[in-house]
Amino acid sequence: WLGGSCGQCAYCGSERENLCDEACYTGY
């Protein structure tokens, strides 16, 4: 489901890429 994230925000930097505001989702 998780197709990508920004890789730069505080969430991505703390292994919480699932909460990234810029995340994008497969099949959505």
PDB file of all heavy atoms in Angstrom:
ATOM      1  N   TRP A   1       0.823  -1.215   0.000  1.00  0.00           N
ATOM      2  CA  TRP A   1       0.000   0.000   0.000  1.00  0.00           C
ATOM      3  C   TRP A   1       0.854   1.260   0.000  1.00  0.00           C
ATOM      4  O   TRP A   1       0.612   2.177  -0.799  1.00  0.00           O
ATOM      5  CB  TRP A   1      -0.916  -0.057   1.217  1.00  0.00           C
ATOM      6  CG  TRP A   1      -1.661   1.172   1.596  1.00  0.00           C
ATOM      7  CD1 TRP A   1      -1.471   1.919   2.722  1.00  0.00           C
ATOM      8  CD2 TRP A   1      -2.756   1.791   0.896  1.00  0.00           C
ATOM      9  NE1 TRP A   1      -2.365   2.968   2.767  1.00  0.00           N
ATOM     10  CE2 TRP A   1      -3.167   2.914   1.659  1.00  0.00           C
ATOM     11  CE3 TRP A   1      -3.414   1.514  -0.300  1.00  0.00           C
ATOM     12  CZ2 TRP A   1      -4.212   3.753   1.265  1.00  0.00           C
ATOM     13  CZ3 TRP A   1      -4.456   2.345  -0.701  1.00  0.00           C
ATOM     14  CH2 TRP A   1      -4.846   3.450   0.068  1.00  0.00           C
ATOM     15  N   LEU A   2       1.852   1.343   0.861  1.00  0.00           N
ATOM     16  CA  LEU A   2       2.701   2.536   0.908  1.00  0.00           C
ATOM     17  C   LEU A   2       3.611   2.541  -0.315  1.00  0.00           C
ATOM     18  O   LEU A   2       4.495   1.712  -0.453  1.00  0.00           O
ATOM     19  CB  LEU A   2       3.530   2.567   2.190  1.00  0.00           C
ATOM     20  CG  LEU A   2       4.418   3.809   2.384  1.00  0.00           C
ATOM     21  CD1 LEU A   2       3.588   5.077   2.481  1.00  0.00           C
ATOM     22  CD2 LEU A   2       5.307   3.655   3.617  1.00  0.00           C
ATOM     23  N   GLY A   3       3.382   3.518  -1.186  1.00  0.00           N
ATOM     24  CA  GLY A   3       4.121   3.561  -2.443  1.00  0.00           C
ATOM     25  C   GLY A   3       5.276   4.526  -2.459  1.00  0.00           C
ATOM     26  O   GLY A   3       6.098   4.498  -3.382  1.00  0.00           O
ATOM     27  N   GLY A   4       5.378   5.396  -1.463  1.00  0.00           N
ATOM     28  CA  GLY A   4       6.468   6.357  -1.410  1.00  0.00           C
ATOM     29  C   GLY A   4       6.233   7.373  -0.311  1.00  0.00           C
ATOM     30  O   GLY A   4       5.116   7.533   0.183  1.00  0.00           O
ATOM     31  N   SER A   5       7.296   8.041   0.106  1.00  0.00           N
ATOM     32  CA  SER A   5       7.202   9.114   1.094  1.00  0.00           C
ATOM     33  C   SER A   5       8.282  10.132   0.783  1.00  0.00           C
ATOM     34  O   SER A   5       9.145   9.901  -0.076  1.00  0.00           O
ATOM     35  CB  SER A   5       7.350   8.569   2.524  1.00  0.00           C
ATOM     36  OG  SER A   5       8.647   8.039   2.730  1.00  0.00           O
ATOM     37  N   CYS A   6       8.261  11.268   1.487  1.00  0.00           N
ATOM     38  CA  CYS A   6       9.177  12.352   1.132  1.00  0.00           C
ATOM     39  C   CYS A   6      10.621  12.038   1.503  1.00  0.00           C
ATOM     40  O   CYS A   6      11.558  12.539   0.886  1.00  0.00           O
ATOM     41  CB  CYS A   6       8.724  13.665   1.767  1.00  0.00           C
ATOM     42  SG  CYS A   6       9.111  13.817   3.539  1.00  0.00           S
ATOM     43  N   GLY A   7      10.833  11.221   2.546  1.00  0.00           N
ATOM     44  CA  GLY A   7      12.176  10.860   2.962  1.00  0.00           C
ATOM     45  C   GLY A   7      12.915  11.936   3.734  1.00  0.00           C
ATOM     46  O   GLY A   7      14.077  11.738   4.112  1.00  0.00           O
ATOM     47  N   GLN A   8      12.276  13.071   4.001  1.00  0.00           N
ATOM     48  CA  GLN A   8      12.970  14.203   4.614  1.00  0.00           C
ATOM     49  C   GLN A   8      12.317  14.724   5.890  1.00  0.00           C
ATOM     50  O   GLN A   8      12.970  15.415   6.668  1.00  0.00           O
ATOM     51  CB  GLN A   8      13.075  15.355   3.604  1.00  0.00           C
ATOM     52  CG  GLN A   8      13.841  14.978   2.347  1.00  0.00           C
ATOM     53  CD  GLN A   8      13.819  16.090   1.309  1.00  0.00           C
ATOM     54  OE1 GLN A   8      13.080  17.064   1.438  1.00  0.00           O
ATOM     55  NE2 GLN A   8      14.617  15.936   0.267  1.00  0.00           N
ATOM     56  N   CYS A   9      11.068  14.430   6.113  1.00  0.00           N
ATOM     57  CA  CYS A   9      10.360  15.004   7.259  1.00  0.00           C
ATOM     58  C   CYS A   9      10.734  14.263   8.550  1.00  0.00           C
ATOM     59  O   CYS A   9      11.439  13.254   8.534  1.00  0.00           O
ATOM     60  CB  CYS A   9       8.849  14.948   7.035  1.00  0.00           C
ATOM     61  SG  CYS A   9       8.162  13.260   7.039  1.00  0.00           S
ATOM     62  N   ALA A  10      10.239  14.782   9.660  1.00  0.00           N
ATOM     63  CA  ALA A  10      10.537  14.171  10.953  1.00  0.00           C
ATOM     64  C   ALA A  10       9.997  12.753  11.050  1.00  0.00           C
ATOM     65  O   ALA A  10      10.614  11.884  11.679  1.00  0.00           O
ATOM     66  CB  ALA A  10       9.956  15.026  12.081  1.00  0.00           C
ATOM     67  N   TYR A  11       8.852  12.499  10.428  1.00  0.00           N
ATOM     68  CA  TYR A  11       8.300  11.148  10.451  1.00  0.00           C
ATOM     69  C   TYR A  11       9.210  10.183   9.694  1.00  0.00           C
ATOM     70  O   TYR A  11       9.542   9.103  10.180  1.00  0.00           O
ATOM     71  CB  TYR A  11       6.899  11.133   9.840  1.00  0.00           C
ATOM     72  CG  TYR A  11       5.876  11.907  10.625  1.00  0.00           C
ATOM     73  CD1 TYR A  11       5.160  12.953  10.037  1.00  0.00           C
ATOM     74  CD2 TYR A  11       5.607  11.596  11.957  1.00  0.00           C
ATOM     75  CE1 TYR A  11       4.210  13.670  10.749  1.00  0.00           C
ATOM     76  CE2 TYR A  11       4.654  12.304  12.685  1.00  0.00           C
ATOM     77  CZ  TYR A  11       3.957  13.337  12.075  1.00  0.00           C
ATOM     78  OH  TYR A  11       3.018  14.043  12.784  1.00  0.00           O
ATOM     79  N   CYS A  12       9.610  10.565   8.486  1.00  0.00           N
ATOM     80  CA  CYS A  12      10.484   9.695   7.694  1.00  0.00           C
ATOM     81  C   CYS A  12      11.822   9.477   8.396  1.00  0.00           C
ATOM     82  O   CYS A  12      12.400   8.392   8.324  1.00  0.00           O
ATOM     83  CB  CYS A  12      10.704  10.287   6.305  1.00  0.00           C
ATOM     84  SG  CYS A  12       9.242  10.237   5.230  1.00  0.00           S
ATOM     85  N   GLY A  13      12.304  10.502   9.082  1.00  0.00           N
ATOM     86  CA  GLY A  13      13.589  10.401   9.757  1.00  0.00           C
ATOM     87  C   GLY A  13      13.568   9.577  11.013  1.00  0.00           C
ATOM     88  O   GLY A  13      14.625   9.279  11.590  1.00  0.00           O
ATOM     89  N   SER A  14      12.374   9.176  11.465  1.00  0.00           N
ATOM     90  CA  SER A  14      12.262   8.384  12.698  1.00  0.00           C
ATOM     91  C   SER A  14      11.554   7.050  12.446  1.00  0.00           C
ATOM     92  O   SER A  14      10.895   6.522  13.337  1.00  0.00           O
ATOM     93  CB  SER A  14      11.515   9.186  13.776  1.00  0.00           C
ATOM     94  OG  SER A  14      10.238   9.599  13.310  1.00  0.00           O
ATOM     95  N   GLU A  15      11.689   6.530  11.225  1.00  0.00           N
ATOM     96  CA  GLU A  15      11.097   5.249  10.830  1.00  0.00           C
ATOM     97  C   GLU A  15       9.577   5.249  10.991  1.00  0.00           C
ATOM     98  O   GLU A  15       8.973   4.209  11.289  1.00  0.00           O
ATOM     99  CB  GLU A  15      11.726   4.074  11.590  1.00  0.00           C
ATOM    100  CG  GLU A  15      13.175   3.832  11.234  1.00  0.00           C
ATOM    101  CD  GLU A  15      13.700   2.515  11.786  1.00  0.00           C
ATOM    102  OE1 GLU A  15      13.180   2.044  12.828  1.00  0.00           O
ATOM    103  OE2 GLU A  15      14.622   1.963  11.174  1.00  0.00           O
ATOM    104  N   ARG A  16       8.969   6.426  10.795  1.00  0.00           N
ATOM    105  CA  ARG A  16       7.509   6.523  10.816  1.00  0.00           C
ATOM    106  C   ARG A  16       7.023   7.092   9.488  1.00  0.00           C
ATOM    107  O   ARG A  16       6.148   7.956   9.445  1.00  0.00           O
ATOM    108  CB  ARG A  16       7.059   7.382  11.995  1.00  0.00           C
ATOM    109  CG  ARG A  16       7.362   6.771  13.359  1.00  0.00           C
ATOM    110  CD  ARG A  16       6.870   7.652  14.491  1.00  0.00           C
ATOM    111  NE  ARG A  16       7.575   8.937  14.514  1.00  0.00           N
ATOM    112  CZ  ARG A  16       7.141  10.012  15.178  1.00  0.00           C
ATOM    113  NH1 ARG A  16       6.010   9.954  15.870  1.00  0.00           N
ATOM    114  NH2 ARG A  16       7.848  11.136  15.173  1.00  0.00           N
ATOM    115  N   GLU A  17       7.584   6.586   8.411  1.00  0.00           N
ATOM    116  CA  GLU A  17       7.230   7.057   7.072  1.00  0.00           C
ATOM    117  C   GLU A  17       5.751   6.832   6.771  1.00  0.00           C
ATOM    118  O   GLU A  17       5.182   7.478   5.894  1.00  0.00           O
ATOM    119  CB  GLU A  17       8.089   6.340   6.033  1.00  0.00           C
ATOM    120  CG  GLU A  17       7.913   4.823   6.054  1.00  0.00           C
ATOM    121  CD  GLU A  17       9.087   4.072   5.453  1.00  0.00           C
ATOM    122  OE1 GLU A  17      10.120   4.700   5.191  1.00  0.00           O
ATOM    123  OE2 GLU A  17       8.962   2.851   5.257  1.00  0.00           O
ATOM    124  N   ASN A  18       5.128   5.927   7.510  1.00  0.00           N
ATOM    125  CA  ASN A  18       3.693   5.701   7.349  1.00  0.00           C
ATOM    126  C   ASN A  18       2.869   6.930   7.696  1.00  0.00           C
ATOM    127  O   ASN A  18       1.701   7.037   7.297  1.00  0.00           O
ATOM    128  CB  ASN A  18       3.241   4.529   8.219  1.00  0.00           C
ATOM    129  CG  ASN A  18       3.507   4.744   9.696  1.00  0.00           C
ATOM    130  OD1 ASN A  18       4.623   5.100  10.095  1.00  0.00           O
ATOM    131  ND2 ASN A  18       2.510   4.531  10.531  1.00  0.00           N
ATOM    132  N   LEU A  19       3.448   7.883   8.442  1.00  0.00           N
ATOM    133  CA  LEU A  19       2.730   9.100   8.846  1.00  0.00           C
ATOM    134  C   LEU A  19       3.125  10.316   8.010  1.00  0.00           C
ATOM    135  O   LEU A  19       2.617  11.415   8.247  1.00  0.00           O
ATOM    136  CB  LEU A  19       2.996   9.397  10.322  1.00  0.00           C
ATOM    137  CG  LEU A  19       2.623   8.284  11.310  1.00  0.00           C
ATOM    138  CD1 LEU A  19       2.962   8.709  12.733  1.00  0.00           C
ATOM    139  CD2 LEU A  19       1.150   7.911  11.190  1.00  0.00           C
ATOM    140  N   CYS A  20       4.003  10.133   7.039  1.00  0.00           N
ATOM    141  CA  CYS A  20       4.488  11.250   6.217  1.00  0.00           C
ATOM    142  C   CYS A  20       3.322  11.958   5.527  1.00  0.00           C
ATOM    143  O   CYS A  20       2.454  11.321   4.927  1.00  0.00           O
ATOM    144  CB  CYS A  20       5.476  10.717   5.174  1.00  0.00           C
ATOM    145  SG  CYS A  20       6.037  11.951   3.978  1.00  0.00           S
ATOM    146  N   ASP A  21       3.307  13.282   5.608  1.00  0.00           N
ATOM    147  CA  ASP A  21       2.236  14.057   4.979  1.00  0.00           C
ATOM    148  C   ASP A  21       2.313  14.034   3.459  1.00  0.00           C
ATOM    149  O   ASP A  21       1.332  14.354   2.782  1.00  0.00           O
ATOM    150  CB  ASP A  21       2.286  15.510   5.465  1.00  0.00           C
ATOM    151  CG  ASP A  21       1.900  15.654   6.924  1.00  0.00           C
ATOM    152  OD1 ASP A  21       1.099  14.831   7.413  1.00  0.00           O
ATOM    153  OD2 ASP A  21       2.406  16.581   7.585  1.00  0.00           O
ATOM    154  N   GLU A  22       3.471  13.684   2.913  1.00  0.00           N
ATOM    155  CA  GLU A  22       3.640  13.637   1.468  1.00  0.00           C
ATOM    156  C   GLU A  22       3.640  12.206   0.937  1.00  0.00           C
ATOM    157  O   GLU A  22       4.004  11.976  -0.224  1.00  0.00           O
ATOM    158  CB  GLU A  22       4.957  14.328   1.077  1.00  0.00           C
ATOM    159  CG  GLU A  22       5.067  15.773   1.523  1.00  0.00           C
ATOM    160  CD  GLU A  22       3.964  16.648   0.953  1.00  0.00           C
ATOM    161  OE1 GLU A  22       3.586  16.421  -0.213  1.00  0.00           O
ATOM    162  OE2 GLU A  22       3.460  17.526   1.679  1.00  0.00           O
ATOM    163  N   ALA A  23       3.250  11.248   1.754  1.00  0.00           N
ATOM    164  CA  ALA A  23       3.228   9.857   1.308  1.00  0.00           C
ATOM    165  C   ALA A  23       2.231   9.674   0.170  1.00  0.00           C
ATOM    166  O   ALA A  23       1.247  10.413   0.048  1.00  0.00           O
ATOM    167  CB  ALA A  23       2.878   8.941   2.474  1.00  0.00           C
ATOM    168  N   CYS A  24       2.497   8.690  -0.668  1.00  0.00           N
ATOM    169  CA  CYS A  24       1.547   8.341  -1.722  1.00  0.00           C
ATOM    170  C   CYS A  24       1.286   6.842  -1.641  1.00  0.00           C
ATOM    171  O   CYS A  24       2.111   6.074  -1.128  1.00  0.00           O
ATOM    172  CB  CYS A  24       2.057   8.748  -3.098  1.00  0.00           C
ATOM    173  SG  CYS A  24       3.654   8.057  -3.539  1.00  0.00           S
ATOM    174  N   TYR A  25       0.141   6.419  -2.161  1.00  0.00           N
ATOM    175  CA  TYR A  25      -0.347   5.073  -1.903  1.00  0.00           C
ATOM    176  C   TYR A  25      -0.703   4.351  -3.192  1.00  0.00           C
ATOM    177  O   TYR A  25      -1.332   4.900  -4.092  1.00  0.00           O
ATOM    178  CB  TYR A  25      -1.548   5.136  -0.951  1.00  0.00           C
ATOM    179  CG  TYR A  25      -1.175   5.814   0.341  1.00  0.00           C
ATOM    180  CD1 TYR A  25      -1.506   7.139   0.586  1.00  0.00           C
ATOM    181  CD2 TYR A  25      -0.403   5.141   1.286  1.00  0.00           C
ATOM    182  CE1 TYR A  25      -1.105   7.772   1.748  1.00  0.00           C
ATOM    183  CE2 TYR A  25      -0.007   5.762   2.456  1.00  0.00           C
ATOM    184  CZ  TYR A  25      -0.357   7.080   2.687  1.00  0.00           C
ATOM    185  OH  TYR A  25       0.056   7.712   3.835  1.00  0.00           O
ATOM    186  N   THR A  26      -0.304   3.099  -3.238  1.00  0.00           N
ATOM    187  CA  THR A  26      -0.510   2.254  -4.406  1.00  0.00           C
ATOM    188  C   THR A  26      -1.990   1.940  -4.580  1.00  0.00           C
ATOM    189  O   THR A  26      -2.694   1.612  -3.622  1.00  0.00           O
ATOM    190  CB  THR A  26       0.277   0.939  -4.233  1.00  0.00           C
ATOM    191  OG1 THR A  26       1.618   1.227  -3.865  1.00  0.00           O
ATOM    192  CG2 THR A  26       0.251   0.122  -5.506  1.00  0.00           C
ATOM    193  N   GLY A  27      -2.459   2.043  -5.811  1.00  0.00           N
ATOM    194  CA  GLY A  27      -3.859   1.752  -6.081  1.00  0.00           C
ATOM    195  C   GLY A  27      -4.801   2.790  -5.524  1.00  0.00           C
ATOM    196  O   GLY A  27      -6.000   2.541  -5.386  1.00  0.00           O
ATOM    197  N   TYR A  28      -4.282   3.970  -5.245  1.00  0.00           N
ATOM    198  CA  TYR A  28      -5.090   5.077  -4.707  1.00  0.00           C
ATOM    199  C   TYR A  28      -4.608   6.403  -5.287  1.00  0.00           C
ATOM    200  O   TYR A  28      -5.350   7.097  -5.978  1.00  0.00           O
ATOM    201  CB  TYR A  28      -5.014   5.078  -3.187  1.00  0.00           C
ATOM    202  CG  TYR A  28      -5.809   6.160  -2.491  1.00  0.00           C
ATOM    203  CD1 TYR A  28      -7.088   6.493  -2.907  1.00  0.00           C
ATOM    204  CD2 TYR A  28      -5.270   6.825  -1.392  1.00  0.00           C
ATOM    205  CE1 TYR A  28      -7.819   7.485  -2.251  1.00  0.00           C
ATOM    206  CE2 TYR A  28      -5.997   7.800  -0.723  1.00  0.00           C
ATOM    207  CZ  TYR A  28      -7.268   8.135  -1.156  1.00  0.00           C
ATOM    208  OH  TYR A  28      -7.974   9.124  -0.508  1.00  0.00           O
TER     209      TYR A  28
END
